[in-house]
Amino acid sequence: MLAPFMLPGIVEAGCDEAGRGCLAGPVACAAVILPEGFVCEELDDSKRLSEKMRERLRTIIEREAISWSVVFVSPEEIDKINILNASITGMHRALDNLILRPEHIIVDGNKFHPYGDIPYSTVVKGDGKFMSIAAASILAKTHRDELMRKLADEYPGYGWEKNKGYPTRQHREALLKCGLTPQHRRSYAPCMQPTLF
């Protein structure tokens, strides 16, 4: 079972993102503050959960969290400031949207920029260690998947309803055949020079 808090007894927000490696669509960034005493044994890194379980947990997290926020950073902004900066910028915006100011921030990964004067900790594979980061990973993933299914209707042929914008063979074939859409990240190599490999 995941640890509830890194620093018990203070208001702690967990942050994570989804979609960094995609060729299309925004990166989704989430921040979550869970209540003390929150228990959910199924909570885990979103990548280790089935789609059905992620959706079930999304409902629980959104209902039980003290505060949560999901923010999308557009492909245009990703191309402008790069995916790492876009992810951190998105997490800052998600933190801005929380109804309660955290006293400590825990972030999945090893990179973050200071958020005001609030202390923070980066945790490699934190979504498999701490509940609030796992919760943020689930919200970021489920909200982004939902958006990519809608964008798949707008831009058919790329298979986004299944691949969610990741560089699968179908997606690469569609890039060669149909070209780029406004949702593609033009700074990514496979978009600059489409190829099947």
N, C-alpha and C. Protein backbone atom coordinates (compact mmCIF):
# COMPACT_ATOMS: atom_id res chain seq x y z
N MET A 1 0.84 -1.20 0.00
CA MET A 1 0.00 0.00 0.00
C MET A 1 0.88 1.26 0.00
N LEU A 2 0.44 2.28 -0.70
CA LEU A 2 1.21 3.51 -0.81
C LEU A 2 1.20 4.30 0.50
N ALA A 3 2.24 5.10 0.70
CA ALA A 3 2.30 5.95 1.90
C ALA A 3 1.32 7.10 1.75
N PRO A 4 0.62 7.47 2.84
CA PRO A 4 -0.35 8.57 2.72
C PRO A 4 0.30 9.93 2.53
N PHE A 5 1.39 10.21 3.26
CA PHE A 5 2.03 11.52 3.18
C PHE A 5 3.54 11.37 3.32
N MET A 6 4.26 12.31 2.74
CA MET A 6 5.70 12.36 2.99
C MET A 6 5.95 13.04 4.34
N LEU A 7 5.20 14.13 4.59
CA LEU A 7 5.32 14.87 5.85
C LEU A 7 3.95 14.92 6.53
N PRO A 8 3.64 13.93 7.36
CA PRO A 8 2.31 13.89 8.00
C PRO A 8 2.05 15.14 8.82
N GLY A 9 0.77 15.51 8.90
CA GLY A 9 0.37 16.61 9.75
C GLY A 9 0.37 17.97 9.10
N ILE A 10 0.78 18.03 7.81
CA ILE A 10 0.71 19.31 7.10
C ILE A 10 -0.07 19.11 5.79
N VAL A 11 -0.52 20.21 5.20
CA VAL A 11 -1.28 20.14 3.95
C VAL A 11 -0.30 19.89 2.81
N GLU A 12 -0.42 18.71 2.21
CA GLU A 12 0.54 18.30 1.19
C GLU A 12 -0.18 18.04 -0.14
N ALA A 13 0.35 18.61 -1.22
CA ALA A 13 -0.21 18.39 -2.56
C ALA A 13 0.71 17.49 -3.36
N GLY A 14 0.13 16.51 -4.01
CA GLY A 14 0.88 15.65 -4.94
C GLY A 14 0.66 16.11 -6.36
N CYS A 15 1.71 16.09 -7.17
CA CYS A 15 1.63 16.53 -8.57
C CYS A 15 2.18 15.46 -9.51
N ASP A 16 1.55 15.35 -10.67
CA ASP A 16 2.05 14.47 -11.72
C ASP A 16 1.49 14.92 -13.05
N GLU A 17 2.00 14.33 -14.14
CA GLU A 17 1.53 14.67 -15.48
C GLU A 17 1.27 13.40 -16.27
N ALA A 18 0.61 13.56 -17.41
CA ALA A 18 0.39 12.45 -18.34
C ALA A 18 0.53 12.98 -19.77
N GLY A 19 1.16 12.18 -20.61
CA GLY A 19 1.24 12.52 -22.03
C GLY A 19 2.53 13.17 -22.48
N ARG A 20 3.58 13.05 -21.68
CA ARG A 20 4.86 13.68 -22.08
C ARG A 20 5.41 13.09 -23.38
N GLY A 21 5.26 11.79 -23.56
CA GLY A 21 5.86 11.13 -24.72
C GLY A 21 4.97 11.08 -25.95
N CYS A 22 3.83 11.74 -25.91
CA CYS A 22 2.89 11.70 -27.04
C CYS A 22 3.35 12.63 -28.17
N LEU A 23 2.94 12.30 -29.38
CA LEU A 23 3.21 13.16 -30.54
C LEU A 23 2.12 14.20 -30.73
N ALA A 24 0.97 13.97 -30.14
CA ALA A 24 -0.18 14.86 -30.35
C ALA A 24 -0.95 15.06 -29.06
N GLY A 25 -1.65 16.19 -29.02
CA GLY A 25 -2.47 16.52 -27.85
C GLY A 25 -1.66 17.23 -26.78
N PRO A 26 -2.34 17.76 -25.79
CA PRO A 26 -1.66 18.48 -24.71
C PRO A 26 -1.00 17.53 -23.73
N VAL A 27 -0.18 18.06 -22.86
CA VAL A 27 0.25 17.33 -21.68
C VAL A 27 -0.73 17.72 -20.58
N ALA A 28 -1.16 16.73 -19.80
CA ALA A 28 -2.12 16.98 -18.71
C ALA A 28 -1.36 16.97 -17.39
N CYS A 29 -1.60 17.98 -16.56
CA CYS A 29 -0.90 18.10 -15.28
C CYS A 29 -1.93 18.20 -14.17
N ALA A 30 -1.69 17.48 -13.08
CA ALA A 30 -2.67 17.45 -11.99
C ALA A 30 -2.01 17.71 -10.65
N ALA A 31 -2.79 18.28 -9.74
CA ALA A 31 -2.40 18.47 -8.35
C ALA A 31 -3.56 17.99 -7.48
N VAL A 32 -3.23 17.27 -6.42
CA VAL A 32 -4.26 16.69 -5.54
C VAL A 32 -3.84 16.84 -4.08
N ILE A 33 -4.79 17.29 -3.26
CA ILE A 33 -4.62 17.28 -1.81
C ILE A 33 -5.63 16.28 -1.25
N LEU A 34 -5.12 15.23 -0.62
CA LEU A 34 -5.99 14.21 -0.02
C LEU A 34 -6.18 14.50 1.47
N PRO A 35 -7.32 14.10 2.00
CA PRO A 35 -7.55 14.33 3.43
C PRO A 35 -6.75 13.37 4.30
N GLU A 36 -6.44 13.81 5.51
CA GLU A 36 -5.79 12.90 6.45
C GLU A 36 -6.74 11.75 6.74
N GLY A 37 -6.20 10.55 6.83
CA GLY A 37 -7.03 9.38 7.07
C GLY A 37 -7.59 8.76 5.82
N PHE A 38 -7.29 9.34 4.65
CA PHE A 38 -7.77 8.78 3.38
C PHE A 38 -7.15 7.40 3.18
N VAL A 39 -7.99 6.43 2.86
CA VAL A 39 -7.52 5.07 2.60
C VAL A 39 -8.13 4.58 1.30
N CYS A 40 -7.28 4.05 0.44
CA CYS A 40 -7.76 3.44 -0.81
C CYS A 40 -6.70 2.45 -1.27
N GLU A 41 -6.92 1.19 -0.97
CA GLU A 41 -5.91 0.17 -1.22
C GLU A 41 -5.62 -0.04 -2.71
N GLU A 42 -6.60 0.28 -3.57
CA GLU A 42 -6.40 0.07 -5.01
C GLU A 42 -5.54 1.16 -5.64
N LEU A 43 -5.36 2.27 -4.96
CA LEU A 43 -4.62 3.40 -5.51
C LEU A 43 -3.20 2.99 -5.84
N ASP A 44 -2.77 3.33 -7.07
CA ASP A 44 -1.43 2.96 -7.53
C ASP A 44 -1.06 3.84 -8.70
N ASP A 45 0.17 3.72 -9.14
CA ASP A 45 0.63 4.38 -10.35
C ASP A 45 -0.37 4.08 -11.47
N SER A 46 -0.84 5.12 -12.17
CA SER A 46 -1.88 4.94 -13.18
C SER A 46 -1.46 3.96 -14.27
N LYS A 47 -0.15 3.86 -14.55
CA LYS A 47 0.33 2.96 -15.61
C LYS A 47 0.15 1.49 -15.24
N ARG A 48 0.00 1.21 -13.95
CA ARG A 48 -0.16 -0.18 -13.52
C ARG A 48 -1.62 -0.59 -13.37
N LEU A 49 -2.54 0.31 -13.71
CA LEU A 49 -3.96 0.05 -13.53
C LEU A 49 -4.67 -0.09 -14.87
N SER A 50 -5.74 -0.86 -14.88
CA SER A 50 -6.55 -0.96 -16.09
C SER A 50 -7.33 0.34 -16.30
N GLU A 51 -7.79 0.55 -17.51
CA GLU A 51 -8.58 1.75 -17.80
C GLU A 51 -9.83 1.80 -16.92
N LYS A 52 -10.46 0.65 -16.75
CA LYS A 52 -11.67 0.58 -15.93
C LYS A 52 -11.38 0.97 -14.48
N MET A 53 -10.26 0.48 -13.94
CA MET A 53 -9.90 0.80 -12.56
C MET A 53 -9.53 2.27 -12.42
N ARG A 54 -8.83 2.81 -13.42
CA ARG A 54 -8.48 4.24 -13.37
C ARG A 54 -9.74 5.10 -13.31
N GLU A 55 -10.74 4.75 -14.11
CA GLU A 55 -11.98 5.54 -14.12
C GLU A 55 -12.72 5.42 -12.79
N ARG A 56 -12.68 4.23 -12.20
CA ARG A 56 -13.34 4.04 -10.91
C ARG A 56 -12.65 4.88 -9.83
N LEU A 57 -11.32 4.86 -9.87
CA LEU A 57 -10.55 5.62 -8.88
C LEU A 57 -10.68 7.12 -9.11
N ARG A 58 -10.82 7.53 -10.36
CA ARG A 58 -11.03 8.95 -10.65
C ARG A 58 -12.25 9.48 -9.89
N THR A 59 -13.32 8.71 -9.94
CA THR A 59 -14.55 9.12 -9.25
C THR A 59 -14.31 9.25 -7.75
N ILE A 60 -13.59 8.29 -7.18
CA ILE A 60 -13.32 8.32 -5.74
C ILE A 60 -12.44 9.52 -5.38
N ILE A 61 -11.39 9.73 -6.17
CA ILE A 61 -10.45 10.84 -5.88
C ILE A 61 -11.17 12.19 -5.98
N GLU A 62 -11.95 12.37 -7.04
CA GLU A 62 -12.62 13.66 -7.24
C GLU A 62 -13.67 13.92 -6.16
N ARG A 63 -14.23 12.85 -5.63
CA ARG A 63 -15.23 13.00 -4.56
C ARG A 63 -14.57 13.22 -3.20
N GLU A 64 -13.48 12.52 -2.93
CA GLU A 64 -12.90 12.50 -1.59
C GLU A 64 -11.78 13.52 -1.36
N ALA A 65 -11.13 13.98 -2.41
CA ALA A 65 -10.00 14.90 -2.23
C ALA A 65 -10.46 16.21 -1.60
N ILE A 66 -9.61 16.80 -0.79
CA ILE A 66 -9.89 18.13 -0.25
C ILE A 66 -9.93 19.13 -1.41
N SER A 67 -9.00 18.97 -2.34
CA SER A 67 -8.97 19.81 -3.54
C SER A 67 -8.19 19.09 -4.62
N TRP A 68 -8.59 19.30 -5.87
CA TRP A 68 -7.86 18.73 -7.00
C TRP A 68 -8.01 19.64 -8.21
N SER A 69 -7.06 19.54 -9.12
CA SER A 69 -7.11 20.34 -10.34
C SER A 69 -6.35 19.61 -11.45
N VAL A 70 -6.89 19.71 -12.66
CA VAL A 70 -6.20 19.19 -13.85
C VAL A 70 -6.11 20.31 -14.87
N VAL A 71 -4.93 20.50 -15.44
CA VAL A 71 -4.67 21.57 -16.40
C VAL A 71 -4.05 20.96 -17.65
N PHE A 72 -4.44 21.45 -18.82
CA PHE A 72 -3.84 21.03 -20.08
C PHE A 72 -2.90 22.11 -20.59
N VAL A 73 -1.71 21.70 -21.04
CA VAL A 73 -0.78 22.62 -21.68
C VAL A 73 -0.73 22.23 -23.15
N SER A 74 -1.03 23.18 -24.03
CA SER A 74 -1.25 22.91 -25.45
C SER A 74 0.02 22.48 -26.19
N PRO A 75 -0.17 21.81 -27.33
CA PRO A 75 0.99 21.47 -28.18
C PRO A 75 1.81 22.69 -28.58
N GLU A 76 1.13 23.83 -28.84
CA GLU A 76 1.85 25.05 -29.22
C GLU A 76 2.79 25.50 -28.11
N GLU A 77 2.30 25.44 -26.87
CA GLU A 77 3.14 25.86 -25.75
C GLU A 77 4.27 24.86 -25.51
N ILE A 78 3.98 23.58 -25.68
CA ILE A 78 5.03 22.55 -25.57
C ILE A 78 6.14 22.83 -26.58
N ASP A 79 5.76 23.14 -27.82
CA ASP A 79 6.76 23.43 -28.86
C ASP A 79 7.58 24.68 -28.52
N LYS A 80 6.95 25.62 -27.84
CA LYS A 80 7.62 26.88 -27.52
C LYS A 80 8.61 26.74 -26.38
N ILE A 81 8.21 26.03 -25.32
CA ILE A 81 9.04 26.02 -24.10
C ILE A 81 9.63 24.66 -23.76
N ASN A 82 9.36 23.65 -24.52
CA ASN A 82 9.77 22.24 -24.40
C ASN A 82 8.90 21.50 -23.39
N ILE A 83 8.93 20.17 -23.49
CA ILE A 83 7.97 19.37 -22.73
C ILE A 83 8.25 19.39 -21.23
N LEU A 84 9.51 19.46 -20.82
CA LEU A 84 9.81 19.51 -19.39
C LEU A 84 9.25 20.80 -18.78
N ASN A 85 9.55 21.92 -19.40
CA ASN A 85 9.04 23.20 -18.88
C ASN A 85 7.52 23.28 -18.96
N ALA A 86 6.95 22.69 -20.02
CA ALA A 86 5.49 22.68 -20.15
C ALA A 86 4.86 21.86 -19.02
N SER A 87 5.49 20.74 -18.66
CA SER A 87 4.96 19.89 -17.59
C SER A 87 5.02 20.62 -16.24
N ILE A 88 6.15 21.27 -15.98
CA ILE A 88 6.29 21.99 -14.71
C ILE A 88 5.36 23.20 -14.66
N THR A 89 5.26 23.91 -15.79
CA THR A 89 4.33 25.05 -15.87
C THR A 89 2.90 24.59 -15.61
N GLY A 90 2.54 23.46 -16.19
CA GLY A 90 1.19 22.91 -15.99
C GLY A 90 0.93 22.53 -14.55
N MET A 91 1.93 21.94 -13.89
CA MET A 91 1.77 21.60 -12.47
C MET A 91 1.60 22.87 -11.63
N HIS A 92 2.36 23.91 -11.94
CA HIS A 92 2.20 25.19 -11.23
C HIS A 92 0.77 25.73 -11.41
N ARG A 93 0.26 25.65 -12.63
CA ARG A 93 -1.11 26.14 -12.88
C ARG A 93 -2.14 25.30 -12.13
N ALA A 94 -1.90 23.98 -12.08
CA ALA A 94 -2.81 23.11 -11.32
C ALA A 94 -2.78 23.49 -9.85
N LEU A 95 -1.60 23.77 -9.31
CA LEU A 95 -1.48 24.21 -7.92
C LEU A 95 -2.19 25.54 -7.70
N ASP A 96 -2.10 26.44 -8.69
CA ASP A 96 -2.81 27.73 -8.61
C ASP A 96 -4.31 27.53 -8.42
N ASN A 97 -4.85 26.46 -9.02
CA ASN A 97 -6.30 26.23 -9.03
C ASN A 97 -6.83 25.57 -7.76
N LEU A 98 -5.95 25.09 -6.89
CA LEU A 98 -6.41 24.42 -5.67
C LEU A 98 -7.10 25.42 -4.74
N ILE A 99 -8.12 24.97 -4.06
CA ILE A 99 -8.85 25.88 -3.17
C ILE A 99 -8.13 26.07 -1.83
N LEU A 100 -7.12 25.23 -1.59
CA LEU A 100 -6.35 25.31 -0.36
C LEU A 100 -4.87 25.41 -0.72
N ARG A 101 -4.16 26.32 -0.09
CA ARG A 101 -2.74 26.47 -0.38
C ARG A 101 -1.95 25.38 0.35
N PRO A 102 -1.21 24.55 -0.39
CA PRO A 102 -0.44 23.49 0.29
C PRO A 102 0.73 24.06 1.09
N GLU A 103 1.15 23.29 2.07
CA GLU A 103 2.33 23.66 2.86
C GLU A 103 3.57 22.90 2.40
N HIS A 104 3.34 21.87 1.58
CA HIS A 104 4.44 21.08 1.02
C HIS A 104 3.93 20.46 -0.28
N ILE A 105 4.83 20.33 -1.24
CA ILE A 105 4.46 19.77 -2.55
C ILE A 105 5.36 18.57 -2.82
N ILE A 106 4.76 17.46 -3.25
CA ILE A 106 5.56 16.32 -3.69
C ILE A 106 5.26 16.06 -5.16
N VAL A 107 6.33 15.87 -5.93
CA VAL A 107 6.23 15.81 -7.38
C VAL A 107 6.84 14.52 -7.90
N ASP A 108 6.16 13.87 -8.82
CA ASP A 108 6.72 12.68 -9.45
C ASP A 108 7.89 13.08 -10.35
N GLY A 109 9.00 12.34 -10.25
CA GLY A 109 10.16 12.62 -11.10
C GLY A 109 11.27 13.28 -10.33
N ASN A 110 12.22 13.87 -11.07
CA ASN A 110 13.38 14.47 -10.41
C ASN A 110 13.59 15.94 -10.78
N LYS A 111 12.60 16.55 -11.46
CA LYS A 111 12.73 17.96 -11.86
C LYS A 111 11.48 18.74 -11.47
N PHE A 112 11.71 19.92 -10.94
CA PHE A 112 10.61 20.83 -10.62
C PHE A 112 11.22 22.21 -10.44
N HIS A 113 10.41 23.25 -10.61
CA HIS A 113 10.85 24.61 -10.34
C HIS A 113 10.15 25.10 -9.08
N PRO A 114 10.80 25.93 -8.29
CA PRO A 114 10.15 26.43 -7.07
C PRO A 114 8.78 27.05 -7.36
N TYR A 115 7.84 26.74 -6.47
CA TYR A 115 6.49 27.29 -6.56
C TYR A 115 6.32 28.25 -5.40
N GLY A 116 6.56 29.52 -5.66
CA GLY A 116 6.55 30.51 -4.59
C GLY A 116 7.56 30.12 -3.52
N ASP A 117 7.13 30.21 -2.27
CA ASP A 117 8.05 29.87 -1.17
C ASP A 117 7.67 28.54 -0.52
N ILE A 118 6.83 27.75 -1.22
CA ILE A 118 6.39 26.47 -0.65
C ILE A 118 7.47 25.41 -0.86
N PRO A 119 7.91 24.74 0.20
CA PRO A 119 8.92 23.69 0.02
C PRO A 119 8.36 22.54 -0.80
N TYR A 120 9.25 21.90 -1.55
CA TYR A 120 8.81 20.77 -2.38
C TYR A 120 9.86 19.67 -2.35
N SER A 121 9.40 18.46 -2.69
CA SER A 121 10.28 17.30 -2.83
C SER A 121 9.97 16.61 -4.14
N THR A 122 11.00 16.24 -4.88
CA THR A 122 10.80 15.43 -6.08
C THR A 122 11.05 13.97 -5.70
N VAL A 123 10.23 13.08 -6.25
CA VAL A 123 10.32 11.67 -5.89
C VAL A 123 10.30 10.83 -7.17
N VAL A 124 11.42 10.20 -7.49
CA VAL A 124 11.46 9.33 -8.66
C VAL A 124 10.51 8.15 -8.43
N LYS A 125 9.66 7.90 -9.42
CA LYS A 125 8.61 6.87 -9.32
C LYS A 125 7.70 7.12 -8.12
N GLY A 126 7.47 8.39 -7.85
CA GLY A 126 6.63 8.78 -6.72
C GLY A 126 5.19 8.34 -6.85
N ASP A 127 4.73 8.13 -8.12
CA ASP A 127 3.34 7.68 -8.31
C ASP A 127 3.13 6.26 -7.84
N GLY A 128 4.21 5.54 -7.56
CA GLY A 128 4.10 4.21 -6.98
C GLY A 128 4.47 4.18 -5.52
N LYS A 129 4.66 5.39 -4.91
CA LYS A 129 5.09 5.46 -3.51
C LYS A 129 4.13 6.26 -2.61
N PHE A 130 3.56 7.34 -3.17
CA PHE A 130 2.74 8.22 -2.35
C PHE A 130 1.34 8.37 -2.95
N MET A 131 0.33 8.33 -2.07
CA MET A 131 -1.07 8.36 -2.52
C MET A 131 -1.41 9.61 -3.32
N SER A 132 -0.97 10.78 -2.86
CA SER A 132 -1.39 12.00 -3.55
C SER A 132 -0.78 12.11 -4.94
N ILE A 133 0.45 11.60 -5.12
CA ILE A 133 1.05 11.60 -6.46
C ILE A 133 0.33 10.59 -7.34
N ALA A 134 0.04 9.41 -6.79
CA ALA A 134 -0.72 8.40 -7.55
C ALA A 134 -2.08 8.95 -7.97
N ALA A 135 -2.74 9.66 -7.05
CA ALA A 135 -4.04 10.26 -7.35
C ALA A 135 -3.90 11.28 -8.48
N ALA A 136 -2.84 12.10 -8.42
CA ALA A 136 -2.61 13.08 -9.48
C ALA A 136 -2.34 12.39 -10.81
N SER A 137 -1.60 11.29 -10.78
CA SER A 137 -1.30 10.57 -12.03
C SER A 137 -2.57 10.00 -12.65
N ILE A 138 -3.49 9.53 -11.80
CA ILE A 138 -4.76 8.98 -12.30
C ILE A 138 -5.64 10.08 -12.89
N LEU A 139 -5.73 11.22 -12.22
CA LEU A 139 -6.55 12.31 -12.75
C LEU A 139 -5.95 12.85 -14.05
N ALA A 140 -4.63 13.03 -14.10
CA ALA A 140 -4.01 13.53 -15.32
C ALA A 140 -4.26 12.56 -16.48
N LYS A 141 -4.08 11.28 -16.22
CA LYS A 141 -4.25 10.26 -17.28
C LYS A 141 -5.71 10.16 -17.74
N THR A 142 -6.65 10.10 -16.82
CA THR A 142 -8.06 9.90 -17.22
C THR A 142 -8.62 11.14 -17.92
N HIS A 143 -8.26 12.32 -17.44
CA HIS A 143 -8.74 13.55 -18.10
C HIS A 143 -8.13 13.68 -19.49
N ARG A 144 -6.87 13.33 -19.63
CA ARG A 144 -6.22 13.44 -20.93
C ARG A 144 -6.80 12.40 -21.91
N ASP A 145 -7.00 11.17 -21.43
CA ASP A 145 -7.57 10.12 -22.30
C ASP A 145 -8.95 10.54 -22.79
N GLU A 146 -9.74 11.13 -21.91
CA GLU A 146 -11.08 11.60 -22.28
C GLU A 146 -10.99 12.65 -23.38
N LEU A 147 -10.05 13.59 -23.24
CA LEU A 147 -9.87 14.62 -24.26
C LEU A 147 -9.41 14.01 -25.58
N MET A 148 -8.48 13.06 -25.53
CA MET A 148 -7.97 12.46 -26.76
C MET A 148 -9.05 11.68 -27.51
N ARG A 149 -9.99 11.09 -26.77
CA ARG A 149 -11.11 10.41 -27.44
C ARG A 149 -11.98 11.42 -28.19
N LYS A 150 -12.16 12.61 -27.60
CA LYS A 150 -12.93 13.66 -28.29
C LYS A 150 -12.17 14.17 -29.51
N LEU A 151 -10.86 14.36 -29.36
CA LEU A 151 -10.05 14.85 -30.49
C LEU A 151 -9.98 13.81 -31.61
N ALA A 152 -10.11 12.54 -31.26
CA ALA A 152 -10.11 11.48 -32.28
C ALA A 152 -11.32 11.63 -33.22
N ASP A 153 -12.43 12.11 -32.69
CA ASP A 153 -13.61 12.35 -33.53
C ASP A 153 -13.37 13.53 -34.47
N GLU A 154 -12.62 14.51 -33.98
CA GLU A 154 -12.32 15.71 -34.77
C GLU A 154 -11.28 15.43 -35.85
N TYR A 155 -10.35 14.56 -35.52
CA TYR A 155 -9.24 14.24 -36.44
C TYR A 155 -9.17 12.72 -36.60
N PRO A 156 -10.09 12.15 -37.39
CA PRO A 156 -10.12 10.69 -37.54
C PRO A 156 -8.91 10.18 -38.34
N GLY A 157 -8.62 8.90 -38.12
CA GLY A 157 -7.56 8.26 -38.91
C GLY A 157 -6.25 8.08 -38.17
N TYR A 158 -6.04 8.82 -37.09
CA TYR A 158 -4.78 8.73 -36.35
C TYR A 158 -4.85 7.71 -35.19
N GLY A 159 -6.05 7.25 -34.90
CA GLY A 159 -6.22 6.24 -33.86
C GLY A 159 -6.08 6.75 -32.45
N TRP A 160 -6.33 8.05 -32.25
CA TRP A 160 -6.13 8.62 -30.91
C TRP A 160 -7.08 8.05 -29.88
N GLU A 161 -8.22 7.53 -30.34
CA GLU A 161 -9.15 6.93 -29.37
C GLU A 161 -8.51 5.72 -28.70
N LYS A 162 -7.51 5.11 -29.36
CA LYS A 162 -6.79 3.96 -28.78
C LYS A 162 -5.39 4.34 -28.32
N ASN A 163 -4.62 4.99 -29.20
CA ASN A 163 -3.20 5.25 -28.85
C ASN A 163 -3.00 6.54 -28.05
N LYS A 164 -4.07 7.36 -27.94
CA LYS A 164 -4.05 8.60 -27.13
C LYS A 164 -2.93 9.57 -27.54
N GLY A 165 -2.46 9.43 -28.80
CA GLY A 165 -1.44 10.35 -29.28
C GLY A 165 -0.02 9.82 -29.21
N TYR A 166 0.16 8.62 -28.63
CA TYR A 166 1.49 8.03 -28.56
C TYR A 166 1.92 7.54 -29.95
N PRO A 167 3.24 7.40 -30.16
CA PRO A 167 3.74 7.08 -31.51
C PRO A 167 3.63 5.61 -31.90
N THR A 168 2.41 5.10 -31.98
CA THR A 168 2.19 3.73 -32.44
C THR A 168 2.38 3.67 -33.95
N ARG A 169 2.43 2.47 -34.49
CA ARG A 169 2.59 2.31 -35.94
C ARG A 169 1.44 2.97 -36.69
N GLN A 170 0.20 2.77 -36.20
CA GLN A 170 -0.97 3.38 -36.85
C GLN A 170 -0.84 4.90 -36.89
N HIS A 171 -0.39 5.47 -35.79
CA HIS A 171 -0.25 6.93 -35.72
C HIS A 171 0.83 7.40 -36.70
N ARG A 172 1.94 6.69 -36.77
CA ARG A 172 3.03 7.07 -37.68
C ARG A 172 2.60 6.92 -39.14
N GLU A 173 1.85 5.86 -39.43
CA GLU A 173 1.33 5.67 -40.80
C GLU A 173 0.41 6.82 -41.18
N ALA A 174 -0.44 7.23 -40.24
CA ALA A 174 -1.37 8.34 -40.51
C ALA A 174 -0.60 9.64 -40.73
N LEU A 175 0.50 9.84 -40.01
CA LEU A 175 1.33 11.03 -40.21
C LEU A 175 1.88 11.06 -41.64
N LEU A 176 2.33 9.91 -42.13
CA LEU A 176 2.86 9.83 -43.49
C LEU A 176 1.77 10.08 -44.52
N LYS A 177 0.60 9.54 -44.26
CA LYS A 177 -0.51 9.60 -45.23
C LYS A 177 -1.27 10.93 -45.17
N CYS A 178 -1.56 11.40 -43.94
CA CYS A 178 -2.45 12.56 -43.77
C CYS A 178 -1.72 13.83 -43.33
N GLY A 179 -0.50 13.69 -42.85
CA GLY A 179 0.23 14.87 -42.40
C GLY A 179 -0.11 15.29 -40.99
N LEU A 180 0.35 16.46 -40.63
CA LEU A 180 0.18 16.97 -39.27
C LEU A 180 -1.18 17.64 -39.09
N THR A 181 -1.67 17.60 -37.87
CA THR A 181 -2.88 18.34 -37.49
C THR A 181 -2.46 19.48 -36.56
N PRO A 182 -3.36 20.39 -36.24
CA PRO A 182 -3.02 21.43 -35.25
C PRO A 182 -2.71 20.86 -33.86
N GLN A 183 -3.05 19.61 -33.63
CA GLN A 183 -2.80 18.98 -32.33
C GLN A 183 -1.43 18.32 -32.23
N HIS A 184 -0.67 18.29 -33.33
CA HIS A 184 0.64 17.64 -33.28
C HIS A 184 1.71 18.56 -32.71
N ARG A 185 2.68 17.94 -32.04
CA ARG A 185 3.80 18.67 -31.46
C ARG A 185 4.91 18.73 -32.50
N ARG A 186 5.02 19.87 -33.13
CA ARG A 186 5.92 20.01 -34.27
C ARG A 186 7.40 19.95 -33.89
N SER A 187 7.71 20.15 -32.62
CA SER A 187 9.11 20.09 -32.18
C SER A 187 9.59 18.66 -31.94
N TYR A 188 8.67 17.69 -31.98
CA TYR A 188 9.05 16.29 -31.78
C TYR A 188 9.56 15.70 -33.09
N ALA A 189 10.64 14.97 -33.02
CA ALA A 189 11.31 14.46 -34.24
C ALA A 189 10.37 13.69 -35.18
N PRO A 190 9.52 12.77 -34.68
CA PRO A 190 8.65 12.05 -35.61
C PRO A 190 7.65 12.94 -36.35
N CYS A 191 7.36 14.12 -35.79
CA CYS A 191 6.46 15.07 -36.47
C CYS A 191 7.25 15.92 -37.47
N MET A 192 8.50 16.20 -37.17
CA MET A 192 9.34 16.98 -38.10
C MET A 192 9.70 16.17 -39.32
N GLN A 193 9.92 14.87 -39.10
CA GLN A 193 10.30 13.99 -40.21
C GLN A 193 9.60 12.64 -40.04
N PRO A 194 8.32 12.58 -40.45
CA PRO A 194 7.54 11.36 -40.23
C PRO A 194 8.19 10.12 -40.87
N THR A 195 8.21 9.05 -40.11
CA THR A 195 8.74 7.77 -40.58
C THR A 195 8.07 6.65 -39.79
N LEU A 196 8.09 5.45 -40.33
CA LEU A 196 7.48 4.34 -39.63
C LEU A 196 8.37 3.80 -38.51
N PHE A 197 9.63 4.15 -38.50
CA PHE A 197 10.55 3.59 -37.52
C PHE A 197 11.13 4.66 -36.61
